[in-house]
Amino acid sequence: MADKAAAIVAGLGGADNIEDIEACITRLRTEVGDAGKVDEPALKAAGAHGVLISGNVVQVVVGPEADSLTDDINDLLD
């Protein structure tokens, strides 16, 4: 799952672009510094079922693994 987490971080524009991330049932709810750096095709290639972007808020639909992915991503960001 760490590889998937790393791919999602890259798709969100890298660790420096991620300001906040939390799990919300089946989604990763993130706030990014620059939404223009978000690579939607890369997120889908990493296994996202869908990506919703509204301003600097990006929701990545990943299914029931959202909690464990959030933990893995936070480990990468620390």
C-alpha atoms as a PDB file:
ATOM      1  CA  MET A   1       0.000   0.000   0.000  1.00  0.00           C
ATOM      2  CA  ALA A   2       3.019   2.294   0.475  1.00  0.00           C
ATOM      3  CA  ASP A   3       3.593   2.348  -3.304  1.00  0.00           C
ATOM      4  CA  LYS A   4      -0.011   3.421  -3.860  1.00  0.00           C
ATOM      5  CA  ALA A   5       0.345   6.114  -1.197  1.00  0.00           C
ATOM      6  CA  ALA A   6       3.517   7.423  -2.877  1.00  0.00           C
ATOM      7  CA  ALA A   7       1.759   7.484  -6.269  1.00  0.00           C
ATOM      8  CA  ILE A   8      -1.150   9.450  -4.771  1.00  0.00           C
ATOM      9  CA  VAL A   9       1.244  11.947  -3.165  1.00  0.00           C
ATOM     10  CA  ALA A  10       2.903  12.429  -6.564  1.00  0.00           C
ATOM     11  CA  GLY A  11      -0.492  12.825  -8.255  1.00  0.00           C
ATOM     12  CA  LEU A  12      -1.425  15.513  -5.746  1.00  0.00           C
ATOM     13  CA  GLY A  13       1.593  17.549  -6.810  1.00  0.00           C
ATOM     14  CA  GLY A  14       4.112  16.188  -4.312  1.00  0.00           C
ATOM     15  CA  ALA A  15       4.456  16.377  -0.557  1.00  0.00           C
ATOM     16  CA  ASP A  16       5.139  20.120  -0.599  1.00  0.00           C
ATOM     17  CA  ASN A  17       1.796  20.757  -2.317  1.00  0.00           C
ATOM     18  CA  ILE A  18      -0.290  18.877   0.279  1.00  0.00           C
ATOM     19  CA  GLU A  19      -1.446  21.165   3.084  1.00  0.00           C
ATOM     20  CA  ASP A  20      -3.908  18.784   4.771  1.00  0.00           C
ATOM     21  CA  ILE A  21      -5.249  15.274   4.243  1.00  0.00           C
ATOM     22  CA  GLU A  22      -7.888  13.250   6.035  1.00  0.00           C
ATOM     23  CA  ALA A  23      -9.923  10.129   5.357  1.00  0.00           C
ATOM     24  CA  CYS A  24     -13.658  10.474   4.864  1.00  0.00           C
ATOM     25  CA  ILE A  25     -15.226   6.995   4.540  1.00  0.00           C
ATOM     26  CA  THR A  26     -14.199   6.161   0.939  1.00  0.00           C
ATOM     27  CA  ARG A  27     -12.325   9.337   0.041  1.00  0.00           C
ATOM     28  CA  LEU A  28      -9.120  11.146   0.756  1.00  0.00           C
ATOM     29  CA  ARG A  29     -10.111  14.741   1.415  1.00  0.00           C
ATOM     30  CA  THR A  30      -7.099  16.939   0.769  1.00  0.00           C
ATOM     31  CA  GLU A  31      -6.251  20.593   0.651  1.00  0.00           C
ATOM     32  CA  VAL A  32      -3.450  21.510  -1.743  1.00  0.00           C
ATOM     33  CA  GLY A  33      -1.431  24.677  -2.170  1.00  0.00           C
ATOM     34  CA  ASP A  34      -1.746  24.704  -5.979  1.00  0.00           C
ATOM     35  CA  ALA A  35      -4.602  22.784  -7.623  1.00  0.00           C
ATOM     36  CA  GLY A  36      -2.845  23.233 -10.986  1.00  0.00           C
ATOM     37  CA  LYS A  37      -0.209  20.711  -9.858  1.00  0.00           C
ATOM     38  CA  VAL A  38      -2.796  17.950  -9.342  1.00  0.00           C
ATOM     39  CA  ASP A  39      -2.448  15.231 -11.999  1.00  0.00           C
ATOM     40  CA  GLU A  40      -5.868  13.616 -12.275  1.00  0.00           C
ATOM     41  CA  PRO A  41      -4.798  10.895 -14.772  1.00  0.00           C
ATOM     42  CA  ALA A  42      -1.898   9.952 -12.455  1.00  0.00           C
ATOM     43  CA  LEU A  43      -4.297   9.670  -9.507  1.00  0.00           C
ATOM     44  CA  LYS A  44      -6.583   7.400 -11.530  1.00  0.00           C
ATOM     45  CA  ALA A  45      -3.561   5.338 -12.634  1.00  0.00           C
ATOM     46  CA  ALA A  46      -2.700   4.965  -8.929  1.00  0.00           C
ATOM     47  CA  GLY A  47      -6.098   3.364  -8.359  1.00  0.00           C
ATOM     48  CA  ALA A  48      -8.440   6.272  -7.659  1.00  0.00           C
ATOM     49  CA  HIS A  49     -12.011   5.598  -8.761  1.00  0.00           C
ATOM     50  CA  GLY A  50     -12.601   9.312  -9.201  1.00  0.00           C
ATOM     51  CA  VAL A  51     -11.193  12.752  -8.467  1.00  0.00           C
ATOM     52  CA  LEU A  52     -13.216  15.833  -7.504  1.00  0.00           C
ATOM     53  CA  ILE A  53     -11.511  19.224  -7.506  1.00  0.00           C
ATOM     54  CA  SER A  54     -13.115  22.362  -6.099  1.00  0.00           C
ATOM     55  CA  GLY A  55     -10.697  25.240  -5.673  1.00  0.00           C
ATOM     56  CA  ASN A  56      -7.826  23.930  -3.567  1.00  0.00           C
ATOM     57  CA  VAL A  57      -9.852  21.037  -2.133  1.00  0.00           C
ATOM     58  CA  VAL A  58      -9.270  17.705  -3.854  1.00  0.00           C
ATOM     59  CA  GLN A  59     -11.241  14.568  -3.024  1.00  0.00           C
ATOM     60  CA  VAL A  60      -9.711  11.322  -4.230  1.00  0.00           C
ATOM     61  CA  VAL A  61     -12.190   8.432  -4.234  1.00  0.00           C
ATOM     62  CA  VAL A  62     -10.251   5.304  -3.225  1.00  0.00           C
ATOM     63  CA  GLY A  63     -12.836   3.050  -1.593  1.00  0.00           C
ATOM     64  CA  PRO A  64     -12.707   1.443   1.849  1.00  0.00           C
ATOM     65  CA  GLU A  65      -8.908   1.659   2.073  1.00  0.00           C
ATOM     66  CA  ALA A  66      -9.082   5.433   2.644  1.00  0.00           C
ATOM     67  CA  ASP A  67      -8.126   5.209   6.335  1.00  0.00           C
ATOM     68  CA  SER A  68      -5.050   3.050   5.798  1.00  0.00           C
ATOM     69  CA  LEU A  69      -3.981   5.098   2.770  1.00  0.00           C
ATOM     70  CA  THR A  70      -4.243   8.294   4.823  1.00  0.00           C
ATOM     71  CA  ASP A  71      -1.984   6.757   7.469  1.00  0.00           C
ATOM     72  CA  ASP A  72       0.563   5.725   4.806  1.00  0.00           C
ATOM     73  CA  ILE A  73       0.456   9.179   3.185  1.00  0.00           C
ATOM     74  CA  ASN A  74       0.910  10.907   6.545  1.00  0.00           C
ATOM     75  CA  ASP A  75       3.954   8.692   7.166  1.00  0.00           C
ATOM     76  CA  LEU A  76       5.383   9.895   3.846  1.00  0.00           C
ATOM     77  CA  LEU A  77       4.655  13.542   4.686  1.00  0.00           C
ATOM     78  CA  ASP A  78       6.300  13.421   8.127  1.00  0.00           C
END
